């Protein structure tokens, strides 16, 4: 009986907690808003000279063609000249929505 009373007390306490407000967005933008920097965006010569495991600071825009369906931890983006880029996020710091495929992105 003591266990039953404890269960009922915990249950009633849980019901009395106020619900947190649900904040929804329109789903069109993620992260901090920014614009594509035209100076960095069209410099294809930089991409042609990159070797395996090279890094560079740049901006890309394109269409998301594929997204990791387990967590959204990577995405494939088609950029100009029908080239595909695999984008992974350092230390799982960001996840892409699982339904982001076929949407435009600026990276």
N, C-alpha and C. Protein backbone atom coordinates (compact mmCIF):
# COMPACT_ATOMS: atom_id res chain seq x y z
N UNK A 1 0.83 -1.19 0.00
CA UNK A 1 0.00 0.00 0.00
C UNK A 1 0.88 1.25 0.00
N UNK A 2 2.01 1.17 0.73
CA UNK A 2 2.91 2.31 0.80
C UNK A 2 3.47 2.62 -0.59
N UNK A 3 3.80 1.58 -1.35
CA UNK A 3 4.33 1.75 -2.71
C UNK A 3 3.27 2.38 -3.62
N UNK A 4 2.04 1.93 -3.47
CA UNK A 4 0.95 2.48 -4.28
C UNK A 4 0.74 3.95 -3.98
N UNK A 5 0.75 4.34 -2.71
CA UNK A 5 0.58 5.75 -2.34
C UNK A 5 1.73 6.60 -2.87
N UNK A 6 2.94 6.07 -2.83
CA UNK A 6 4.10 6.80 -3.36
C UNK A 6 3.95 6.99 -4.86
N UNK A 7 3.52 5.95 -5.56
CA UNK A 7 3.31 6.04 -7.00
C UNK A 7 2.26 7.09 -7.34
N UNK A 8 1.15 7.10 -6.64
CA UNK A 8 0.08 8.08 -6.87
C UNK A 8 0.59 9.49 -6.59
N UNK A 9 1.35 9.67 -5.53
CA UNK A 9 1.88 11.00 -5.19
C UNK A 9 2.82 11.50 -6.29
N UNK A 10 3.69 10.65 -6.78
CA UNK A 10 4.62 11.04 -7.85
C UNK A 10 3.84 11.34 -9.13
N UNK A 11 2.85 10.54 -9.43
CA UNK A 11 2.03 10.75 -10.62
C UNK A 11 1.30 12.09 -10.56
N UNK A 12 0.69 12.39 -9.44
CA UNK A 12 -0.03 13.66 -9.29
C UNK A 12 0.93 14.85 -9.32
N UNK A 13 2.11 14.69 -8.77
CA UNK A 13 3.12 15.75 -8.82
C UNK A 13 3.55 16.01 -10.26
N UNK A 14 3.71 14.95 -11.03
CA UNK A 14 4.10 15.11 -12.43
C UNK A 14 3.01 15.82 -13.23
N UNK A 15 1.76 15.53 -12.93
CA UNK A 15 0.66 16.19 -13.63
C UNK A 15 0.53 17.66 -13.27
N UNK A 16 0.97 18.03 -12.10
CA UNK A 16 0.82 19.42 -11.66
C UNK A 16 1.90 20.34 -12.21
N UNK A 17 2.95 19.79 -12.84
CA UNK A 17 4.02 20.62 -13.39
C UNK A 17 3.52 21.35 -14.63
N UNK A 18 3.85 22.64 -14.75
CA UNK A 18 3.41 23.38 -15.94
C UNK A 18 4.16 22.88 -17.18
N UNK A 19 3.47 22.90 -18.30
CA UNK A 19 4.08 22.49 -19.55
C UNK A 19 4.96 23.60 -20.09
N UNK A 20 6.08 23.24 -20.68
CA UNK A 20 6.95 24.23 -21.29
C UNK A 20 6.37 24.67 -22.63
N UNK A 21 6.56 25.93 -22.94
CA UNK A 21 6.04 26.45 -24.20
C UNK A 21 6.77 25.80 -25.37
N UNK A 22 6.03 25.41 -26.36
CA UNK A 22 6.61 24.83 -27.57
C UNK A 22 6.86 25.95 -28.57
N UNK A 23 8.12 26.13 -28.95
CA UNK A 23 8.47 27.16 -29.91
C UNK A 23 8.72 26.49 -31.25
N UNK A 24 7.99 26.91 -32.26
CA UNK A 24 8.18 26.35 -33.58
C UNK A 24 8.64 27.43 -34.53
N UNK A 25 9.36 27.02 -35.54
CA UNK A 25 9.80 27.95 -36.57
C UNK A 25 9.19 27.52 -37.89
N UNK A 26 9.37 28.34 -38.89
CA UNK A 26 8.80 28.00 -40.19
C UNK A 26 9.59 26.90 -40.90
N UNK A 27 10.78 26.57 -40.37
CA UNK A 27 11.55 25.47 -40.93
C UNK A 27 12.35 25.82 -42.16
N UNK A 28 12.43 27.09 -42.50
CA UNK A 28 13.16 27.47 -43.70
C UNK A 28 14.61 27.84 -43.43
N UNK A 29 14.97 28.12 -42.20
CA UNK A 29 16.34 28.53 -41.89
C UNK A 29 16.78 27.87 -40.59
N UNK A 30 18.06 27.53 -40.53
CA UNK A 30 18.63 26.94 -39.33
C UNK A 30 19.90 27.70 -38.99
N UNK A 31 20.14 27.93 -37.73
CA UNK A 31 21.35 28.64 -37.32
C UNK A 31 21.21 30.15 -37.47
N UNK A 32 22.32 30.83 -37.37
CA UNK A 32 22.35 32.29 -37.45
C UNK A 32 22.21 32.72 -38.90
N UNK A 33 21.40 33.73 -39.14
CA UNK A 33 21.18 34.21 -40.51
C UNK A 33 22.44 34.88 -41.06
N UNK A 34 22.73 34.63 -42.33
CA UNK A 34 23.85 35.26 -43.01
C UNK A 34 23.58 35.22 -44.51
N UNK A 35 24.34 36.00 -45.25
CA UNK A 35 24.19 36.03 -46.70
C UNK A 35 25.42 35.42 -47.35
N UNK A 36 25.24 34.91 -48.55
CA UNK A 36 26.34 34.34 -49.30
C UNK A 36 27.30 35.43 -49.72
N UNK A 37 28.56 35.28 -49.39
CA UNK A 37 29.60 36.24 -49.74
C UNK A 37 30.07 35.92 -51.15
N UNK A 38 29.71 36.75 -52.12
CA UNK A 38 30.02 36.49 -53.53
C UNK A 38 31.53 36.39 -53.78
N UNK A 39 32.33 37.09 -53.00
CA UNK A 39 33.78 37.06 -53.18
C UNK A 39 34.35 35.67 -52.94
N UNK A 40 33.79 34.95 -51.96
CA UNK A 40 34.30 33.62 -51.62
C UNK A 40 33.57 32.50 -52.38
N UNK A 41 32.38 32.79 -52.87
CA UNK A 41 31.52 31.73 -53.37
C UNK A 41 31.91 31.18 -54.74
N UNK A 42 32.45 31.99 -55.62
CA UNK A 42 32.68 31.52 -56.97
C UNK A 42 34.12 31.20 -57.30
N UNK A 43 34.97 31.06 -56.33
CA UNK A 43 36.39 30.84 -56.56
C UNK A 43 36.67 29.35 -56.75
N UNK A 44 36.36 28.81 -57.95
CA UNK A 44 36.50 27.37 -58.21
C UNK A 44 37.94 26.94 -58.31
N UNK A 45 38.85 27.87 -58.59
CA UNK A 45 40.27 27.52 -58.68
C UNK A 45 40.78 26.97 -57.35
N UNK A 46 40.26 27.50 -56.25
CA UNK A 46 40.66 27.01 -54.93
C UNK A 46 40.27 25.55 -54.76
N UNK A 47 39.08 25.18 -55.20
CA UNK A 47 38.59 23.81 -55.04
C UNK A 47 39.37 22.83 -55.91
N UNK A 48 39.76 23.27 -57.09
CA UNK A 48 40.49 22.40 -58.01
C UNK A 48 41.87 22.02 -57.48
N UNK A 49 42.48 22.89 -56.67
CA UNK A 49 43.84 22.63 -56.18
C UNK A 49 43.86 21.88 -54.85
N UNK A 50 42.70 21.66 -54.24
CA UNK A 50 42.66 20.95 -52.95
C UNK A 50 43.04 19.48 -53.12
N UNK A 51 43.78 18.99 -52.18
CA UNK A 51 44.14 17.57 -52.14
C UNK A 51 43.32 16.89 -51.04
N UNK A 52 43.42 15.60 -50.93
CA UNK A 52 42.69 14.85 -49.91
C UNK A 52 43.05 15.38 -48.52
N UNK A 53 42.05 15.59 -47.69
CA UNK A 53 42.17 16.06 -46.31
C UNK A 53 42.63 17.51 -46.19
N UNK A 54 42.65 18.29 -47.27
CA UNK A 54 42.92 19.72 -47.18
C UNK A 54 41.70 20.42 -46.62
N UNK A 55 41.92 21.57 -46.00
CA UNK A 55 40.82 22.38 -45.49
C UNK A 55 40.95 23.80 -46.03
N UNK A 56 39.82 24.48 -46.10
CA UNK A 56 39.80 25.86 -46.54
C UNK A 56 38.58 26.55 -45.94
N UNK A 57 38.65 27.86 -45.78
CA UNK A 57 37.50 28.64 -45.32
C UNK A 57 36.83 29.23 -46.55
N UNK A 58 35.60 28.86 -46.75
CA UNK A 58 34.87 29.31 -47.93
C UNK A 58 33.38 29.19 -47.69
N UNK A 59 32.60 29.59 -48.66
CA UNK A 59 31.15 29.42 -48.61
C UNK A 59 30.71 28.69 -49.87
N UNK A 60 29.75 27.81 -49.71
CA UNK A 60 29.18 27.06 -50.83
C UNK A 60 27.67 27.19 -50.80
N UNK A 61 27.07 27.16 -51.95
CA UNK A 61 25.62 27.07 -52.01
C UNK A 61 25.27 25.96 -52.99
N UNK A 62 24.21 25.26 -52.71
CA UNK A 62 23.80 24.17 -53.58
C UNK A 62 22.58 23.47 -53.03
N UNK A 63 22.26 22.34 -53.65
CA UNK A 63 21.09 21.57 -53.25
C UNK A 63 21.54 20.32 -52.50
N UNK A 64 20.89 20.08 -51.37
CA UNK A 64 21.19 18.88 -50.57
C UNK A 64 20.62 17.68 -51.31
N UNK A 65 21.47 16.70 -51.61
CA UNK A 65 21.01 15.52 -52.33
C UNK A 65 20.80 14.31 -51.43
N UNK A 66 21.51 14.26 -50.32
CA UNK A 66 21.40 13.11 -49.42
C UNK A 66 21.77 13.54 -48.01
N UNK A 67 21.08 12.97 -47.02
CA UNK A 67 21.31 13.28 -45.60
C UNK A 67 21.42 11.97 -44.83
N UNK A 68 22.32 11.93 -43.85
CA UNK A 68 22.43 10.78 -42.96
C UNK A 68 21.07 10.54 -42.30
N UNK A 69 20.51 9.36 -42.48
CA UNK A 69 19.17 9.09 -41.97
C UNK A 69 19.15 8.58 -40.53
N UNK A 70 20.31 8.38 -39.92
CA UNK A 70 20.29 7.95 -38.53
C UNK A 70 20.28 9.15 -37.58
N UNK A 71 21.14 10.16 -37.83
CA UNK A 71 21.19 11.32 -36.95
C UNK A 71 21.23 12.64 -37.70
N UNK A 72 21.49 12.63 -38.97
CA UNK A 72 21.69 13.88 -39.71
C UNK A 72 23.09 14.42 -39.51
N UNK A 73 24.06 13.53 -39.33
CA UNK A 73 25.42 13.95 -39.00
C UNK A 73 26.26 14.28 -40.23
N UNK A 74 25.76 14.07 -41.45
CA UNK A 74 26.45 14.48 -42.67
C UNK A 74 25.41 14.73 -43.74
N UNK A 75 25.84 15.41 -44.80
CA UNK A 75 24.97 15.62 -45.95
C UNK A 75 25.82 15.72 -47.21
N UNK A 76 25.23 15.35 -48.33
CA UNK A 76 25.87 15.51 -49.63
C UNK A 76 25.16 16.66 -50.34
N UNK A 77 25.97 17.58 -50.88
CA UNK A 77 25.44 18.78 -51.53
C UNK A 77 25.97 18.84 -52.95
N UNK A 78 25.07 19.05 -53.92
CA UNK A 78 25.48 19.25 -55.30
C UNK A 78 25.72 20.73 -55.50
N UNK A 79 26.95 21.08 -55.91
CA UNK A 79 27.31 22.48 -56.14
C UNK A 79 27.45 22.69 -57.64
N UNK A 80 27.96 23.83 -58.06
CA UNK A 80 28.10 24.16 -59.47
C UNK A 80 28.90 23.09 -60.20
N UNK A 81 28.71 23.01 -61.49
CA UNK A 81 29.40 22.04 -62.35
C UNK A 81 29.02 20.60 -61.99
N UNK A 82 27.87 20.40 -61.36
CA UNK A 82 27.37 19.07 -60.98
C UNK A 82 28.36 18.28 -60.14
N UNK A 83 29.14 18.96 -59.34
CA UNK A 83 30.06 18.29 -58.42
C UNK A 83 29.35 18.10 -57.09
N UNK A 84 29.67 17.00 -56.42
CA UNK A 84 29.04 16.68 -55.15
C UNK A 84 30.06 16.81 -54.03
N UNK A 85 29.64 17.43 -52.93
CA UNK A 85 30.50 17.66 -51.78
C UNK A 85 29.90 16.94 -50.58
N UNK A 86 30.73 16.21 -49.85
CA UNK A 86 30.30 15.58 -48.60
C UNK A 86 30.63 16.52 -47.46
N UNK A 87 29.62 16.88 -46.67
CA UNK A 87 29.80 17.82 -45.56
C UNK A 87 29.58 17.05 -44.26
N UNK A 88 30.62 17.03 -43.42
CA UNK A 88 30.53 16.43 -42.09
C UNK A 88 30.79 17.52 -41.07
N UNK A 89 30.24 17.37 -39.87
CA UNK A 89 30.31 18.41 -38.86
C UNK A 89 31.24 17.98 -37.73
N UNK A 90 32.18 18.83 -37.41
CA UNK A 90 33.20 18.54 -36.41
C UNK A 90 32.57 18.25 -35.05
N UNK A 91 32.99 17.17 -34.44
CA UNK A 91 32.56 16.79 -33.08
C UNK A 91 31.04 16.71 -32.94
N UNK A 92 30.36 16.36 -34.02
CA UNK A 92 28.89 16.28 -33.99
C UNK A 92 28.28 17.56 -33.44
N UNK A 93 28.84 18.70 -33.80
CA UNK A 93 28.39 19.99 -33.29
C UNK A 93 27.10 20.49 -33.91
N UNK A 94 26.66 19.86 -34.99
CA UNK A 94 25.45 20.31 -35.68
C UNK A 94 24.84 19.11 -36.38
N UNK A 95 23.54 19.06 -36.43
CA UNK A 95 22.85 17.98 -37.13
C UNK A 95 21.90 18.58 -38.15
N UNK A 96 21.83 17.96 -39.30
CA UNK A 96 20.94 18.39 -40.37
C UNK A 96 19.59 17.70 -40.17
N UNK A 97 18.48 18.41 -40.39
CA UNK A 97 17.18 17.74 -40.31
C UNK A 97 17.12 16.57 -41.29
N UNK A 98 16.54 15.48 -40.87
CA UNK A 98 16.51 14.28 -41.70
C UNK A 98 15.72 14.46 -42.98
N UNK A 99 14.82 15.43 -43.02
CA UNK A 99 14.02 15.68 -44.22
C UNK A 99 14.56 16.85 -45.05
N UNK A 100 15.83 17.18 -44.91
CA UNK A 100 16.42 18.33 -45.61
C UNK A 100 16.80 18.02 -47.05
N UNK A 101 16.67 16.79 -47.47
CA UNK A 101 17.04 16.42 -48.83
C UNK A 101 16.21 17.21 -49.84
N UNK A 102 16.85 17.61 -50.95
CA UNK A 102 16.26 18.39 -52.04
C UNK A 102 15.98 19.84 -51.67
N UNK A 103 16.59 20.33 -50.61
CA UNK A 103 16.45 21.74 -50.22
C UNK A 103 17.74 22.49 -50.53
N UNK A 104 17.63 23.79 -50.74
CA UNK A 104 18.79 24.63 -51.01
C UNK A 104 19.51 24.94 -49.70
N UNK A 105 20.83 25.04 -49.77
CA UNK A 105 21.61 25.34 -48.57
C UNK A 105 22.76 26.27 -48.90
N UNK A 106 23.17 27.04 -47.91
CA UNK A 106 24.39 27.83 -47.97
C UNK A 106 25.25 27.37 -46.81
N UNK A 107 26.46 26.95 -47.13
CA UNK A 107 27.37 26.43 -46.11
C UNK A 107 28.53 27.38 -45.96
